[in-house]
């Protein structure tokens, strides 16, 4: 079984928390910035164990972890939708 990390790179602010918690060093800083000017995290998906540490620590909730099993692909941790309520209310 292998895991796969999916990061919404356009919404990533490049805080680096996911990079520090990945036990297999599968996440790196991208060499190009996103539309907001941040250098986002980028998944390399080598030897991913689908531990979900990256998805749990992401303050933006934009990381999804998939576990590829022989007969199916299972979502282990899913990214928050844009309309999901936040713990901290944003001023508009």
C-alpha atoms as a PDB file:
ATOM      1  CA  UNK A   1       0.000   0.000   0.000  1.00  0.00           C
ATOM      2  CA  UNK A   2       1.262   3.421  -0.902  1.00  0.00           C
ATOM      3  CA  UNK A   3       0.078   6.840   0.095  1.00  0.00           C
ATOM      4  CA  UNK A   4      -0.311   9.896  -2.044  1.00  0.00           C
ATOM      5  CA  UNK A   5      -0.374  13.534  -0.920  1.00  0.00           C
ATOM      6  CA  UNK A   6      -2.429  16.120  -2.802  1.00  0.00           C
ATOM      7  CA  UNK A   7      -1.800  19.784  -1.930  1.00  0.00           C
ATOM      8  CA  UNK A   8      -3.863  22.684  -3.260  1.00  0.00           C
ATOM      9  CA  UNK A   9      -0.780  24.699  -4.204  1.00  0.00           C
ATOM     10  CA  UNK A  10      -2.757  27.837  -5.125  1.00  0.00           C
ATOM     11  CA  UNK A  11      -4.189  28.070  -1.591  1.00  0.00           C
ATOM     12  CA  UNK A  12      -0.944  27.110   0.219  1.00  0.00           C
ATOM     13  CA  UNK A  13       0.783  29.959   2.060  1.00  0.00           C
ATOM     14  CA  UNK A  14       4.095  28.135   2.391  1.00  0.00           C
ATOM     15  CA  UNK A  15       4.231  27.955   6.198  1.00  0.00           C
ATOM     16  CA  UNK A  16       6.300  24.752   5.998  1.00  0.00           C
ATOM     17  CA  UNK A  17       4.591  22.924   8.859  1.00  0.00           C
ATOM     18  CA  UNK A  18       3.774  19.931   6.648  1.00  0.00           C
ATOM     19  CA  UNK A  19       7.410  19.746   5.550  1.00  0.00           C
ATOM     20  CA  UNK A  20       8.651  19.506   9.125  1.00  0.00           C
ATOM     21  CA  UNK A  21       6.265  16.732  10.200  1.00  0.00           C
ATOM     22  CA  UNK A  22       6.630  14.408   7.195  1.00  0.00           C
ATOM     23  CA  UNK A  23       8.602  11.366   8.406  1.00  0.00           C
ATOM     24  CA  UNK A  24       9.698  10.455   4.858  1.00  0.00           C
ATOM     25  CA  UNK A  25      10.566  13.984   3.650  1.00  0.00           C
ATOM     26  CA  UNK A  26       8.018  13.718   0.835  1.00  0.00           C
ATOM     27  CA  UNK A  27       7.082  17.404   0.899  1.00  0.00           C
ATOM     28  CA  UNK A  28       9.357  20.217  -0.254  1.00  0.00           C
ATOM     29  CA  UNK A  29       9.081  23.933  -0.991  1.00  0.00           C
ATOM     30  CA  UNK A  30       8.134  24.515  -4.624  1.00  0.00           C
ATOM     31  CA  UNK A  31      10.612  26.377  -6.791  1.00  0.00           C
ATOM     32  CA  UNK A  32       7.870  28.587  -8.288  1.00  0.00           C
ATOM     33  CA  UNK A  33       5.460  30.849  -6.433  1.00  0.00           C
ATOM     34  CA  UNK A  34       1.683  30.561  -6.659  1.00  0.00           C
ATOM     35  CA  UNK A  35      -0.639  33.367  -7.821  1.00  0.00           C
ATOM     36  CA  UNK A  36      -0.592  34.906  -4.327  1.00  0.00           C
ATOM     37  CA  UNK A  37       3.208  35.142  -4.334  1.00  0.00           C
ATOM     38  CA  UNK A  38       3.805  32.346  -1.800  1.00  0.00           C
ATOM     39  CA  UNK A  39       6.192  29.470  -2.374  1.00  0.00           C
ATOM     40  CA  UNK A  40       3.868  26.561  -1.593  1.00  0.00           C
ATOM     41  CA  UNK A  41       4.558  23.086  -0.338  1.00  0.00           C
ATOM     42  CA  UNK A  42       4.850  20.483  -3.077  1.00  0.00           C
ATOM     43  CA  UNK A  43       4.366  16.731  -2.667  1.00  0.00           C
ATOM     44  CA  UNK A  44       6.972  14.412  -4.144  1.00  0.00           C
ATOM     45  CA  UNK A  45       5.096  11.213  -3.166  1.00  0.00           C
ATOM     46  CA  UNK A  46       8.113   8.987  -2.676  1.00  0.00           C
ATOM     47  CA  UNK A  47       7.579   6.282  -0.055  1.00  0.00           C
ATOM     48  CA  UNK A  48       4.490   8.018   1.390  1.00  0.00           C
ATOM     49  CA  UNK A  49       2.999   5.964   4.217  1.00  0.00           C
ATOM     50  CA  UNK A  50      -0.278   7.948   4.376  1.00  0.00           C
ATOM     51  CA  UNK A  51       0.388   8.848   8.010  1.00  0.00           C
ATOM     52  CA  UNK A  52      -1.762  12.018   7.558  1.00  0.00           C
ATOM     53  CA  UNK A  53       0.538  14.185   9.714  1.00  0.00           C
ATOM     54  CA  UNK A  54       0.744  16.789   6.957  1.00  0.00           C
ATOM     55  CA  UNK A  55      -3.043  17.035   6.594  1.00  0.00           C
ATOM     56  CA  UNK A  56      -3.581  17.244  10.345  1.00  0.00           C
ATOM     57  CA  UNK A  57      -1.060  20.052  10.920  1.00  0.00           C
ATOM     58  CA  UNK A  58      -2.006  22.178   7.892  1.00  0.00           C
ATOM     59  CA  UNK A  59      -3.570  25.402   9.228  1.00  0.00           C
ATOM     60  CA  UNK A  60      -5.304  26.048   5.890  1.00  0.00           C
ATOM     61  CA  UNK A  61      -6.780  22.537   5.627  1.00  0.00           C
ATOM     62  CA  UNK A  62      -5.697  22.139   2.008  1.00  0.00           C
ATOM     63  CA  UNK A  63      -3.883  18.795   2.083  1.00  0.00           C
ATOM     64  CA  UNK A  64      -5.543  15.534   1.114  1.00  0.00           C
ATOM     65  CA  UNK A  65      -3.948  12.146   1.772  1.00  0.00           C
ATOM     66  CA  UNK A  66      -4.944   9.100  -0.262  1.00  0.00           C
ATOM     67  CA  UNK A  67      -4.112   5.474   0.468  1.00  0.00           C
ATOM     68  CA  UNK A  68      -3.747   3.359  -2.655  1.00  0.00           C
ATOM     69  CA  UNK A  69      -4.806  -0.206  -1.858  1.00  0.00           C
ATOM     70  CA  UNK A  70      -4.707  -3.085  -4.365  1.00  0.00           C
ATOM     71  CA  UNK A  71      -8.402  -2.858  -5.219  1.00  0.00           C
ATOM     72  CA  UNK A  72      -9.228   0.789  -4.456  1.00  0.00           C
ATOM     73  CA  UNK A  73      -7.973   4.245  -3.529  1.00  0.00           C
ATOM     74  CA  UNK A  74      -9.191   5.362  -0.122  1.00  0.00           C
ATOM     75  CA  UNK A  75      -9.242   8.944   1.175  1.00  0.00           C
ATOM     76  CA  UNK A  76      -7.515   8.918   4.550  1.00  0.00           C
ATOM     77  CA  UNK A  77      -7.556  12.670   5.230  1.00  0.00           C
ATOM     78  CA  UNK A  78      -9.416  15.181   3.143  1.00  0.00           C
ATOM     79  CA  UNK A  79      -8.870  18.868   2.532  1.00  0.00           C
ATOM     80  CA  UNK A  80     -11.347  21.333   3.962  1.00  0.00           C
ATOM     81  CA  UNK A  81     -13.739  22.890   1.506  1.00  0.00           C
ATOM     82  CA  UNK A  82     -13.649  26.659   1.065  1.00  0.00           C
ATOM     83  CA  UNK A  83     -17.107  26.960   2.603  1.00  0.00           C
ATOM     84  CA  UNK A  84     -16.171  24.944   5.712  1.00  0.00           C
ATOM     85  CA  UNK A  85     -16.550  27.068   8.868  1.00  0.00           C
ATOM     86  CA  UNK A  86     -13.248  28.086  10.463  1.00  0.00           C
ATOM     87  CA  UNK A  87     -12.404  28.041  14.146  1.00  0.00           C
ATOM     88  CA  UNK A  88     -11.442  31.694  13.851  1.00  0.00           C
ATOM     89  CA  UNK A  89     -13.940  33.939  12.140  1.00  0.00           C
ATOM     90  CA  UNK A  90     -12.509  35.933   9.266  1.00  0.00           C
ATOM     91  CA  UNK A  91     -13.402  39.598   8.927  1.00  0.00           C
ATOM     92  CA  UNK A  92     -14.805  40.577   5.564  1.00  0.00           C
END
